[in-house]
């Protein structure tokens, strides 16, 4: 059996693949054959993505570390940091707090 994984589309760099896929998506929308997600389908896709992401323990640990850094900064720039975090829509918190919040949000669905 020959290895064909690096031929054609698969052999292109990611930017080229993205460019071609984008053109295909735009053409499908113009033609009217593109799939339009319902709010239920979008909600389900988001739920599945969240589950997959939360299973990546290394990634979740990094989120927790970053949150800890932000929530435990000194008071010297407290107001500036708070305003910046509000603009970004991010907040700090420990890994355990993120896990608890994630479990709670899944209960509400």
C-alpha atoms as a PDB file:
ATOM      1  CA  UNK A   1       0.000   0.000   0.000  1.00  0.00           C
ATOM      2  CA  UNK A   2       1.539   3.355  -1.004  1.00  0.00           C
ATOM      3  CA  UNK A   3       1.542   6.468   1.162  1.00  0.00           C
ATOM      4  CA  UNK A   4      -0.624   9.123  -0.516  1.00  0.00           C
ATOM      5  CA  UNK A   5      -1.022  11.416   2.495  1.00  0.00           C
ATOM      6  CA  UNK A   6       1.277  14.117   1.093  1.00  0.00           C
ATOM      7  CA  UNK A   7      -0.174  14.416  -2.387  1.00  0.00           C
ATOM      8  CA  UNK A   8      -2.505  17.071  -3.762  1.00  0.00           C
ATOM      9  CA  UNK A   9      -4.395  19.132  -1.209  1.00  0.00           C
ATOM     10  CA  UNK A  10      -2.635  17.449   1.744  1.00  0.00           C
ATOM     11  CA  UNK A  11       0.780  18.466   0.414  1.00  0.00           C
ATOM     12  CA  UNK A  12      -0.088  22.183   0.398  1.00  0.00           C
ATOM     13  CA  UNK A  13       0.816  24.423   3.284  1.00  0.00           C
ATOM     14  CA  UNK A  14      -1.989  25.344   5.680  1.00  0.00           C
ATOM     15  CA  UNK A  15      -2.366  28.889   4.338  1.00  0.00           C
ATOM     16  CA  UNK A  16      -2.905  27.620   0.793  1.00  0.00           C
ATOM     17  CA  UNK A  17      -5.425  25.012   2.033  1.00  0.00           C
ATOM     18  CA  UNK A  18      -7.286  27.730   3.981  1.00  0.00           C
ATOM     19  CA  UNK A  19      -7.360  29.993   0.921  1.00  0.00           C
ATOM     20  CA  UNK A  20      -8.842  27.260  -1.289  1.00  0.00           C
ATOM     21  CA  UNK A  21     -11.353  26.197   1.378  1.00  0.00           C
ATOM     22  CA  UNK A  22     -12.408  29.808   1.856  1.00  0.00           C
ATOM     23  CA  UNK A  23     -13.060  30.223  -1.867  1.00  0.00           C
ATOM     24  CA  UNK A  24     -15.154  27.039  -1.831  1.00  0.00           C
ATOM     25  CA  UNK A  25     -17.176  28.273   1.127  1.00  0.00           C
ATOM     26  CA  UNK A  26     -17.819  31.646  -0.475  1.00  0.00           C
ATOM     27  CA  UNK A  27     -18.860  30.000  -3.738  1.00  0.00           C
ATOM     28  CA  UNK A  28     -21.279  27.698  -1.898  1.00  0.00           C
ATOM     29  CA  UNK A  29     -22.868  30.649  -0.123  1.00  0.00           C
ATOM     30  CA  UNK A  30     -23.223  32.573  -3.384  1.00  0.00           C
ATOM     31  CA  UNK A  31     -24.784  29.523  -5.037  1.00  0.00           C
ATOM     32  CA  UNK A  32     -27.084  28.985  -2.059  1.00  0.00           C
ATOM     33  CA  UNK A  33     -25.900  25.445  -1.322  1.00  0.00           C
ATOM     34  CA  UNK A  34     -23.894  26.197   1.829  1.00  0.00           C
ATOM     35  CA  UNK A  35     -25.097  24.703   5.089  1.00  0.00           C
ATOM     36  CA  UNK A  36     -26.577  27.286   7.443  1.00  0.00           C
ATOM     37  CA  UNK A  37     -26.352  26.206  11.069  1.00  0.00           C
ATOM     38  CA  UNK A  38     -29.460  26.479  13.186  1.00  0.00           C
ATOM     39  CA  UNK A  39     -28.985  27.845  16.689  1.00  0.00           C
ATOM     40  CA  UNK A  40     -29.416  24.288  18.031  1.00  0.00           C
ATOM     41  CA  UNK A  41     -26.706  22.904  15.704  1.00  0.00           C
ATOM     42  CA  UNK A  42     -24.365  25.744  16.651  1.00  0.00           C
ATOM     43  CA  UNK A  43     -25.032  25.141  20.360  1.00  0.00           C
ATOM     44  CA  UNK A  44     -24.282  21.417  19.955  1.00  0.00           C
ATOM     45  CA  UNK A  45     -21.060  22.138  18.042  1.00  0.00           C
ATOM     46  CA  UNK A  46     -19.953  24.545  20.772  1.00  0.00           C
ATOM     47  CA  UNK A  47     -20.745  21.992  23.459  1.00  0.00           C
ATOM     48  CA  UNK A  48     -18.708  19.302  21.688  1.00  0.00           C
ATOM     49  CA  UNK A  49     -15.797  21.700  21.207  1.00  0.00           C
ATOM     50  CA  UNK A  50     -15.910  22.662  24.871  1.00  0.00           C
ATOM     51  CA  UNK A  51     -15.880  19.027  25.937  1.00  0.00           C
ATOM     52  CA  UNK A  52     -12.936  18.260  23.690  1.00  0.00           C
ATOM     53  CA  UNK A  53     -10.992  21.292  24.898  1.00  0.00           C
ATOM     54  CA  UNK A  54     -11.685  20.582  28.562  1.00  0.00           C
ATOM     55  CA  UNK A  55     -10.269  17.055  28.153  1.00  0.00           C
ATOM     56  CA  UNK A  56      -6.892  18.529  27.179  1.00  0.00           C
ATOM     57  CA  UNK A  57      -5.446  18.687  30.692  1.00  0.00           C
ATOM     58  CA  UNK A  58      -2.263  20.459  29.599  1.00  0.00           C
ATOM     59  CA  UNK A  59      -4.248  23.227  27.895  1.00  0.00           C
ATOM     60  CA  UNK A  60      -6.587  23.611  30.863  1.00  0.00           C
ATOM     61  CA  UNK A  61      -3.599  23.778  33.220  1.00  0.00           C
ATOM     62  CA  UNK A  62      -2.136  26.592  31.112  1.00  0.00           C
ATOM     63  CA  UNK A  63      -5.447  28.477  31.277  1.00  0.00           C
ATOM     64  CA  UNK A  64      -5.379  28.094  35.053  1.00  0.00           C
ATOM     65  CA  UNK A  65      -1.784  29.332  35.291  1.00  0.00           C
ATOM     66  CA  UNK A  66      -2.548  32.371  33.151  1.00  0.00           C
ATOM     67  CA  UNK A  67      -5.667  33.111  35.172  1.00  0.00           C
ATOM     68  CA  UNK A  68      -3.671  32.845  38.368  1.00  0.00           C
ATOM     69  CA  UNK A  69      -1.084  35.290  37.050  1.00  0.00           C
ATOM     70  CA  UNK A  70      -3.778  37.829  36.236  1.00  0.00           C
ATOM     71  CA  UNK A  71      -5.718  37.461  39.482  1.00  0.00           C
ATOM     72  CA  UNK A  72      -2.650  37.576  41.752  1.00  0.00           C
ATOM     73  CA  UNK A  73      -0.889  40.644  40.403  1.00  0.00           C
ATOM     74  CA  UNK A  74       0.213  43.380  42.771  1.00  0.00           C
ATOM     75  CA  UNK A  75      -2.007  46.377  43.488  1.00  0.00           C
ATOM     76  CA  UNK A  76       0.324  48.800  41.717  1.00  0.00           C
ATOM     77  CA  UNK A  77      -1.521  48.470  38.378  1.00  0.00           C
ATOM     78  CA  UNK A  78      -4.786  47.063  39.647  1.00  0.00           C
ATOM     79  CA  UNK A  79      -7.077  49.600  37.982  1.00  0.00           C
ATOM     80  CA  UNK A  80      -5.239  49.467  34.654  1.00  0.00           C
ATOM     81  CA  UNK A  81      -5.277  45.658  34.579  1.00  0.00           C
ATOM     82  CA  UNK A  82      -8.953  45.505  35.493  1.00  0.00           C
ATOM     83  CA  UNK A  83      -9.915  47.889  32.696  1.00  0.00           C
ATOM     84  CA  UNK A  84      -7.780  45.949  30.209  1.00  0.00           C
ATOM     85  CA  UNK A  85      -9.328  42.626  31.276  1.00  0.00           C
ATOM     86  CA  UNK A  86     -12.836  44.058  30.893  1.00  0.00           C
ATOM     87  CA  UNK A  87     -12.004  45.175  27.364  1.00  0.00           C
ATOM     88  CA  UNK A  88     -10.724  41.696  26.465  1.00  0.00           C
ATOM     89  CA  UNK A  89     -13.605  39.972  28.252  1.00  0.00           C
ATOM     90  CA  UNK A  90     -11.254  37.799  30.310  1.00  0.00           C
ATOM     91  CA  UNK A  91     -11.013  37.085  33.987  1.00  0.00           C
ATOM     92  CA  UNK A  92      -8.555  35.196  36.150  1.00  0.00           C
ATOM     93  CA  UNK A  93      -9.168  32.173  38.256  1.00  0.00           C
ATOM     94  CA  UNK A  94      -7.614  28.913  39.323  1.00  0.00           C
ATOM     95  CA  UNK A  95      -7.805  25.690  37.355  1.00  0.00           C
ATOM     96  CA  UNK A  96     -10.243  24.343  39.922  1.00  0.00           C
ATOM     97  CA  UNK A  97     -12.470  27.406  39.493  1.00  0.00           C
ATOM     98  CA  UNK A  98     -12.459  26.951  35.719  1.00  0.00           C
ATOM     99  CA  UNK A  99     -13.355  23.274  36.058  1.00  0.00           C
ATOM    100  CA  UNK A 100     -16.161  24.074  38.506  1.00  0.00           C
ATOM    101  CA  UNK A 101     -17.529  26.802  36.217  1.00  0.00           C
ATOM    102  CA  UNK A 102     -17.369  24.456  33.234  1.00  0.00           C
ATOM    103  CA  UNK A 103     -19.270  21.733  35.077  1.00  0.00           C
ATOM    104  CA  UNK A 104     -21.865  24.279  36.187  1.00  0.00           C
ATOM    105  CA  UNK A 105     -22.333  25.611  32.658  1.00  0.00           C
ATOM    106  CA  UNK A 106     -22.906  22.084  31.333  1.00  0.00           C
ATOM    107  CA  UNK A 107     -25.624  21.531  33.931  1.00  0.00           C
ATOM    108  CA  UNK A 108     -27.472  24.554  32.565  1.00  0.00           C
ATOM    109  CA  UNK A 109     -27.744  23.199  29.018  1.00  0.00           C
END
